[in-house]
Amino acid sequence: MGKKMKQQEKVVEKEVRSILVDEETLEAMEKEIPKMRVITPSEISDKYKIRVSVAKSILKRLEEKGAIKLVSSDKRLKIWTGTKAEAAAS
């Protein structure tokens, strides 16, 4: 048969995400998140460079305050919508 070619290894840089959220970021999140139409923990994690577990806890707290509303829940994924986004849509 022919010669085997070595595959080049891909170098993947790991992104370090924050565990702690400072007060300024938290206040900004509380203002911006309720305006979003579709809210998922991964979307919040990517946007604010925090871990998904931290994003989940923040979203849970916002839901308890009434700033966001749970639309769909699954074993792995929960989807929320902002109360201000609903008001703007209607």
C-alpha atoms as a PDB file:
ATOM      1  CA  MET A   1       0.000   0.000   0.000  1.00  0.00           C
ATOM      2  CA  GLY A   2       0.986   3.656   0.130  1.00  0.00           C
ATOM      3  CA  LYS A   3       2.777   5.635   2.752  1.00  0.00           C
ATOM      4  CA  LYS A   4       0.795   6.798   5.731  1.00  0.00           C
ATOM      5  CA  MET A   5       0.774  10.544   6.194  1.00  0.00           C
ATOM      6  CA  LYS A   6       1.012  11.939   9.670  1.00  0.00           C
ATOM      7  CA  GLN A   7      -1.932  14.044  10.653  1.00  0.00           C
ATOM      8  CA  GLN A   8      -1.102  17.455  11.953  1.00  0.00           C
ATOM      9  CA  GLU A   9      -2.269  17.981  15.478  1.00  0.00           C
ATOM     10  CA  LYS A  10      -4.550  20.907  16.026  1.00  0.00           C
ATOM     11  CA  VAL A  11      -3.593  23.248  18.807  1.00  0.00           C
ATOM     12  CA  VAL A  12      -6.649  24.354  20.711  1.00  0.00           C
ATOM     13  CA  GLU A  13      -6.305  27.219  23.117  1.00  0.00           C
ATOM     14  CA  LYS A  14      -8.445  26.859  26.214  1.00  0.00           C
ATOM     15  CA  GLU A  15     -10.336  29.949  27.206  1.00  0.00           C
ATOM     16  CA  VAL A  16     -10.249  30.727  30.892  1.00  0.00           C
ATOM     17  CA  ARG A  17     -13.679  31.731  32.081  1.00  0.00           C
ATOM     18  CA  SER A  18     -14.374  33.591  35.250  1.00  0.00           C
ATOM     19  CA  ILE A  19     -15.990  32.007  38.295  1.00  0.00           C
ATOM     20  CA  LEU A  20     -16.644  35.277  40.096  1.00  0.00           C
ATOM     21  CA  VAL A  21     -18.681  38.137  38.683  1.00  0.00           C
ATOM     22  CA  ASP A  22     -17.976  41.676  39.824  1.00  0.00           C
ATOM     23  CA  GLU A  23     -20.784  44.077  40.773  1.00  0.00           C
ATOM     24  CA  GLU A  24     -20.524  46.194  37.604  1.00  0.00           C
ATOM     25  CA  THR A  25     -20.898  43.179  35.329  1.00  0.00           C
ATOM     26  CA  LEU A  26     -23.753  41.814  37.415  1.00  0.00           C
ATOM     27  CA  GLU A  27     -25.643  45.122  37.210  1.00  0.00           C
ATOM     28  CA  ALA A  28     -25.094  45.251  33.445  1.00  0.00           C
ATOM     29  CA  MET A  29     -26.360  41.679  33.127  1.00  0.00           C
ATOM     30  CA  GLU A  30     -29.492  42.466  35.156  1.00  0.00           C
ATOM     31  CA  LYS A  31     -30.262  45.347  32.780  1.00  0.00           C
ATOM     32  CA  GLU A  32     -29.441  43.615  29.476  1.00  0.00           C
ATOM     33  CA  ILE A  33     -30.671  40.039  29.967  1.00  0.00           C
ATOM     34  CA  PRO A  34     -34.404  40.865  30.416  1.00  0.00           C
ATOM     35  CA  LYS A  35     -34.323  42.664  27.051  1.00  0.00           C
ATOM     36  CA  MET A  36     -33.172  39.522  25.209  1.00  0.00           C
ATOM     37  CA  ARG A  37     -35.705  37.385  23.335  1.00  0.00           C
ATOM     38  CA  VAL A  38     -34.016  34.003  23.772  1.00  0.00           C
ATOM     39  CA  ILE A  39     -31.821  33.372  26.790  1.00  0.00           C
ATOM     40  CA  THR A  40     -29.741  30.239  27.354  1.00  0.00           C
ATOM     41  CA  PRO A  41     -26.917  29.613  29.826  1.00  0.00           C
ATOM     42  CA  SER A  42     -24.420  28.999  27.020  1.00  0.00           C
ATOM     43  CA  GLU A  43     -25.323  32.289  25.344  1.00  0.00           C
ATOM     44  CA  ILE A  44     -24.806  34.213  28.586  1.00  0.00           C
ATOM     45  CA  SER A  45     -21.579  32.311  29.218  1.00  0.00           C
ATOM     46  CA  ASP A  46     -20.183  33.266  25.812  1.00  0.00           C
ATOM     47  CA  LYS A  47     -21.291  36.876  26.008  1.00  0.00           C
ATOM     48  CA  TYR A  48     -19.924  37.653  29.473  1.00  0.00           C
ATOM     49  CA  LYS A  49     -16.986  35.177  29.539  1.00  0.00           C
ATOM     50  CA  ILE A  50     -18.224  33.332  32.622  1.00  0.00           C
ATOM     51  CA  ARG A  51     -18.704  29.654  33.287  1.00  0.00           C
ATOM     52  CA  VAL A  52     -21.978  27.991  32.347  1.00  0.00           C
ATOM     53  CA  SER A  53     -22.649  27.005  35.955  1.00  0.00           C
ATOM     54  CA  VAL A  54     -22.348  30.650  37.022  1.00  0.00           C
ATOM     55  CA  ALA A  55     -24.645  31.701  34.177  1.00  0.00           C
ATOM     56  CA  LYS A  56     -27.222  29.113  35.284  1.00  0.00           C
ATOM     57  CA  SER A  57     -27.248  30.435  38.828  1.00  0.00           C
ATOM     58  CA  ILE A  58     -27.615  34.049  37.631  1.00  0.00           C
ATOM     59  CA  LEU A  59     -30.490  33.084  35.337  1.00  0.00           C
ATOM     60  CA  LYS A  60     -32.190  31.183  38.152  1.00  0.00           C
ATOM     61  CA  ARG A  61     -31.915  34.252  40.375  1.00  0.00           C
ATOM     62  CA  LEU A  62     -33.328  36.520  37.642  1.00  0.00           C
ATOM     63  CA  GLU A  63     -36.235  34.098  37.198  1.00  0.00           C
ATOM     64  CA  GLU A  64     -37.015  34.261  40.929  1.00  0.00           C
ATOM     65  CA  LYS A  65     -37.038  38.076  40.711  1.00  0.00           C
ATOM     66  CA  GLY A  66     -39.456  37.919  37.768  1.00  0.00           C
ATOM     67  CA  ALA A  67     -37.106  39.603  35.290  1.00  0.00           C
ATOM     68  CA  ILE A  68     -37.125  36.575  32.954  1.00  0.00           C
ATOM     69  CA  LYS A  69     -39.622  33.782  32.302  1.00  0.00           C
ATOM     70  CA  LEU A  70     -38.915  30.088  31.670  1.00  0.00           C
ATOM     71  CA  VAL A  71     -40.228  29.066  28.244  1.00  0.00           C
ATOM     72  CA  SER A  72     -38.933  25.525  27.790  1.00  0.00           C
ATOM     73  CA  SER A  73     -37.229  23.119  30.111  1.00  0.00           C
ATOM     74  CA  ASP A  74     -35.455  19.892  29.342  1.00  0.00           C
ATOM     75  CA  LYS A  75     -33.055  17.622  31.163  1.00  0.00           C
ATOM     76  CA  ARG A  76     -30.072  19.410  29.640  1.00  0.00           C
ATOM     77  CA  LEU A  77     -31.300  22.755  28.339  1.00  0.00           C
ATOM     78  CA  LYS A  78     -33.491  25.503  29.712  1.00  0.00           C
ATOM     79  CA  ILE A  79     -34.660  28.415  27.621  1.00  0.00           C
ATOM     80  CA  TRP A  80     -35.857  31.694  29.047  1.00  0.00           C
ATOM     81  CA  THR A  81     -37.251  34.863  27.534  1.00  0.00           C
ATOM     82  CA  GLY A  82     -36.999  38.359  28.899  1.00  0.00           C
ATOM     83  CA  THR A  83     -40.107  40.031  30.273  1.00  0.00           C
ATOM     84  CA  LYS A  84     -39.150  43.321  28.612  1.00  0.00           C
ATOM     85  CA  ALA A  85     -38.688  41.524  25.282  1.00  0.00           C
ATOM     86  CA  GLU A  86     -42.222  40.110  25.551  1.00  0.00           C
ATOM     87  CA  ALA A  87     -43.645  43.559  26.244  1.00  0.00           C
ATOM     88  CA  ALA A  88     -41.842  45.020  23.210  1.00  0.00           C
ATOM     89  CA  ALA A  89     -43.044  42.209  20.933  1.00  0.00           C
ATOM     90  CA  SER A  90     -46.730  42.673  21.796  1.00  0.00           C
END
